[in-house]
Amino acid sequence: MILVNIVNALFWIFYVMLFASIILSWVRPSPYHPFWGPIIRIVGAVIDPILNPIRRLMPPLGGLDFSPMVAILLARVLQQAIINLLR
């Protein structure tokens, strides 16, 4: 049961970082800002390696990037599969 909680916590952190990436892509704060700069770099370092392969397979349609939605769907499937294996 503890492993299930750890898996859920890790995926929750991933979802929060993915949501932060989405918000940051809309707002576009300066990467040189003393507060936002480190946040942008950390979120980008974690999320971009996951989204870039999806973006290569599915480029933006009409200027809209659907790769975060695909990442959420894939992460949910992976999360459920891992939890089912642990139970």
C-alpha atoms as a PDB file:
ATOM      1  CA  MET A   1       0.000   0.000   0.000  1.00  0.00           C
ATOM      2  CA  ILE A   2       2.903   2.354   0.704  1.00  0.00           C
ATOM      3  CA  LEU A   3       4.270   1.754  -2.801  1.00  0.00           C
ATOM      4  CA  VAL A   4       0.893   2.682  -4.291  1.00  0.00           C
ATOM      5  CA  ASN A   5       0.954   5.944  -2.338  1.00  0.00           C
ATOM      6  CA  ILE A   6       4.475   6.686  -3.555  1.00  0.00           C
ATOM      7  CA  VAL A   7       3.491   5.997  -7.171  1.00  0.00           C
ATOM      8  CA  ASN A   8       0.433   8.223  -6.829  1.00  0.00           C
ATOM      9  CA  ALA A   9       2.535  11.010  -5.293  1.00  0.00           C
ATOM     10  CA  LEU A  10       5.106  10.828  -8.094  1.00  0.00           C
ATOM     11  CA  PHE A  11       2.436  10.974 -10.760  1.00  0.00           C
ATOM     12  CA  TRP A  12       0.742  13.864  -8.933  1.00  0.00           C
ATOM     13  CA  ILE A  13       4.042  15.791  -9.045  1.00  0.00           C
ATOM     14  CA  PHE A  14       4.279  15.021 -12.766  1.00  0.00           C
ATOM     15  CA  TYR A  15       0.732  16.301 -13.362  1.00  0.00           C
ATOM     16  CA  VAL A  16       1.443  19.520 -11.438  1.00  0.00           C
ATOM     17  CA  MET A  17       4.633  20.103 -13.417  1.00  0.00           C
ATOM     18  CA  LEU A  18       2.820  19.399 -16.682  1.00  0.00           C
ATOM     19  CA  PHE A  19       0.084  21.863 -15.733  1.00  0.00           C
ATOM     20  CA  ALA A  20       2.774  24.429 -14.824  1.00  0.00           C
ATOM     21  CA  SER A  21       4.362  23.860 -18.231  1.00  0.00           C
ATOM     22  CA  ILE A  22       1.029  24.515 -19.937  1.00  0.00           C
ATOM     23  CA  ILE A  23       0.473  27.736 -17.970  1.00  0.00           C
ATOM     24  CA  LEU A  24       4.042  28.905 -18.581  1.00  0.00           C
ATOM     25  CA  SER A  25       3.632  28.317 -22.322  1.00  0.00           C
ATOM     26  CA  TRP A  26       0.621  30.654 -22.340  1.00  0.00           C
ATOM     27  CA  VAL A  27       2.094  33.369 -20.109  1.00  0.00           C
ATOM     28  CA  ARG A  28       5.695  33.236 -21.387  1.00  0.00           C
ATOM     29  CA  PRO A  29       7.528  34.908 -18.483  1.00  0.00           C
ATOM     30  CA  SER A  30      11.121  35.949 -19.055  1.00  0.00           C
ATOM     31  CA  PRO A  31      13.553  33.059 -18.505  1.00  0.00           C
ATOM     32  CA  TYR A  32      15.989  35.638 -17.071  1.00  0.00           C
ATOM     33  CA  HIS A  33      13.630  36.763 -14.301  1.00  0.00           C
ATOM     34  CA  PRO A  34      15.105  35.956 -10.871  1.00  0.00           C
ATOM     35  CA  PHE A  35      11.941  34.166  -9.705  1.00  0.00           C
ATOM     36  CA  TRP A  36      10.501  32.646 -12.900  1.00  0.00           C
ATOM     37  CA  GLY A  37      13.800  31.691 -14.540  1.00  0.00           C
ATOM     38  CA  PRO A  38      14.640  28.745 -12.258  1.00  0.00           C
ATOM     39  CA  ILE A  39      11.035  27.513 -12.350  1.00  0.00           C
ATOM     40  CA  ILE A  40      11.014  27.600 -16.161  1.00  0.00           C
ATOM     41  CA  ARG A  41      14.298  25.672 -16.312  1.00  0.00           C
ATOM     42  CA  ILE A  42      13.215  22.997 -13.809  1.00  0.00           C
ATOM     43  CA  VAL A  43       9.804  22.454 -15.408  1.00  0.00           C
ATOM     44  CA  GLY A  44      11.368  22.379 -18.878  1.00  0.00           C
ATOM     45  CA  ALA A  45      14.053  19.915 -17.818  1.00  0.00           C
ATOM     46  CA  VAL A  46      11.430  17.487 -16.502  1.00  0.00           C
ATOM     47  CA  ILE A  47       8.560  17.932 -18.965  1.00  0.00           C
ATOM     48  CA  ASP A  48      10.235  18.675 -22.324  1.00  0.00           C
ATOM     49  CA  PRO A  49      11.940  15.249 -22.662  1.00  0.00           C
ATOM     50  CA  ILE A  50       8.500  13.675 -22.261  1.00  0.00           C
ATOM     51  CA  LEU A  51       6.614  16.027 -24.590  1.00  0.00           C
ATOM     52  CA  ASN A  52       9.206  16.313 -27.385  1.00  0.00           C
ATOM     53  CA  PRO A  53       8.755  12.731 -28.725  1.00  0.00           C
ATOM     54  CA  ILE A  54       4.985  13.243 -28.690  1.00  0.00           C
ATOM     55  CA  ARG A  55       5.411  16.558 -30.537  1.00  0.00           C
ATOM     56  CA  ARG A  56       7.513  14.814 -33.192  1.00  0.00           C
ATOM     57  CA  LEU A  57       4.770  12.233 -33.755  1.00  0.00           C
ATOM     58  CA  MET A  58       1.931  14.740 -33.502  1.00  0.00           C
ATOM     59  CA  PRO A  59       2.889  18.295 -34.495  1.00  0.00           C
ATOM     60  CA  PRO A  60       0.696  21.219 -33.396  1.00  0.00           C
ATOM     61  CA  LEU A  61      -2.600  21.432 -35.245  1.00  0.00           C
ATOM     62  CA  GLY A  62      -3.746  24.942 -36.095  1.00  0.00           C
ATOM     63  CA  GLY A  63      -1.252  26.377 -33.640  1.00  0.00           C
ATOM     64  CA  LEU A  64      -2.540  24.215 -30.775  1.00  0.00           C
ATOM     65  CA  ASP A  65      -0.183  21.788 -29.078  1.00  0.00           C
ATOM     66  CA  PHE A  66      -2.065  18.677 -28.007  1.00  0.00           C
ATOM     67  CA  SER A  67       1.017  16.862 -26.695  1.00  0.00           C
ATOM     68  CA  PRO A  68       0.229  17.652 -23.015  1.00  0.00           C
ATOM     69  CA  MET A  69      -3.190  16.027 -23.405  1.00  0.00           C
ATOM     70  CA  VAL A  70      -1.600  12.925 -24.930  1.00  0.00           C
ATOM     71  CA  ALA A  71       0.980  12.893 -22.127  1.00  0.00           C
ATOM     72  CA  ILE A  72      -1.786  13.054 -19.517  1.00  0.00           C
ATOM     73  CA  LEU A  73      -3.641  10.157 -21.147  1.00  0.00           C
ATOM     74  CA  LEU A  74      -0.496   8.041 -21.415  1.00  0.00           C
ATOM     75  CA  ALA A  75       0.503   8.871 -17.839  1.00  0.00           C
ATOM     76  CA  ARG A  76      -2.939   7.879 -16.533  1.00  0.00           C
ATOM     77  CA  VAL A  77      -2.743   4.539 -18.348  1.00  0.00           C
ATOM     78  CA  LEU A  78       0.784   3.958 -17.048  1.00  0.00           C
ATOM     79  CA  GLN A  79      -0.226   4.971 -13.520  1.00  0.00           C
ATOM     80  CA  GLN A  80      -3.152   2.554 -13.477  1.00  0.00           C
ATOM     81  CA  ALA A  81      -1.008  -0.255 -14.906  1.00  0.00           C
ATOM     82  CA  ILE A  82       1.658   0.250 -12.244  1.00  0.00           C
ATOM     83  CA  ILE A  83      -0.918   0.417  -9.451  1.00  0.00           C
ATOM     84  CA  ASN A  84      -2.613  -2.758 -10.708  1.00  0.00           C
ATOM     85  CA  LEU A  85       0.746  -4.546 -10.719  1.00  0.00           C
ATOM     86  CA  LEU A  86       1.464  -3.435  -7.156  1.00  0.00           C
ATOM     87  CA  ARG A  87      -1.878  -4.603  -5.753  1.00  0.00           C
END
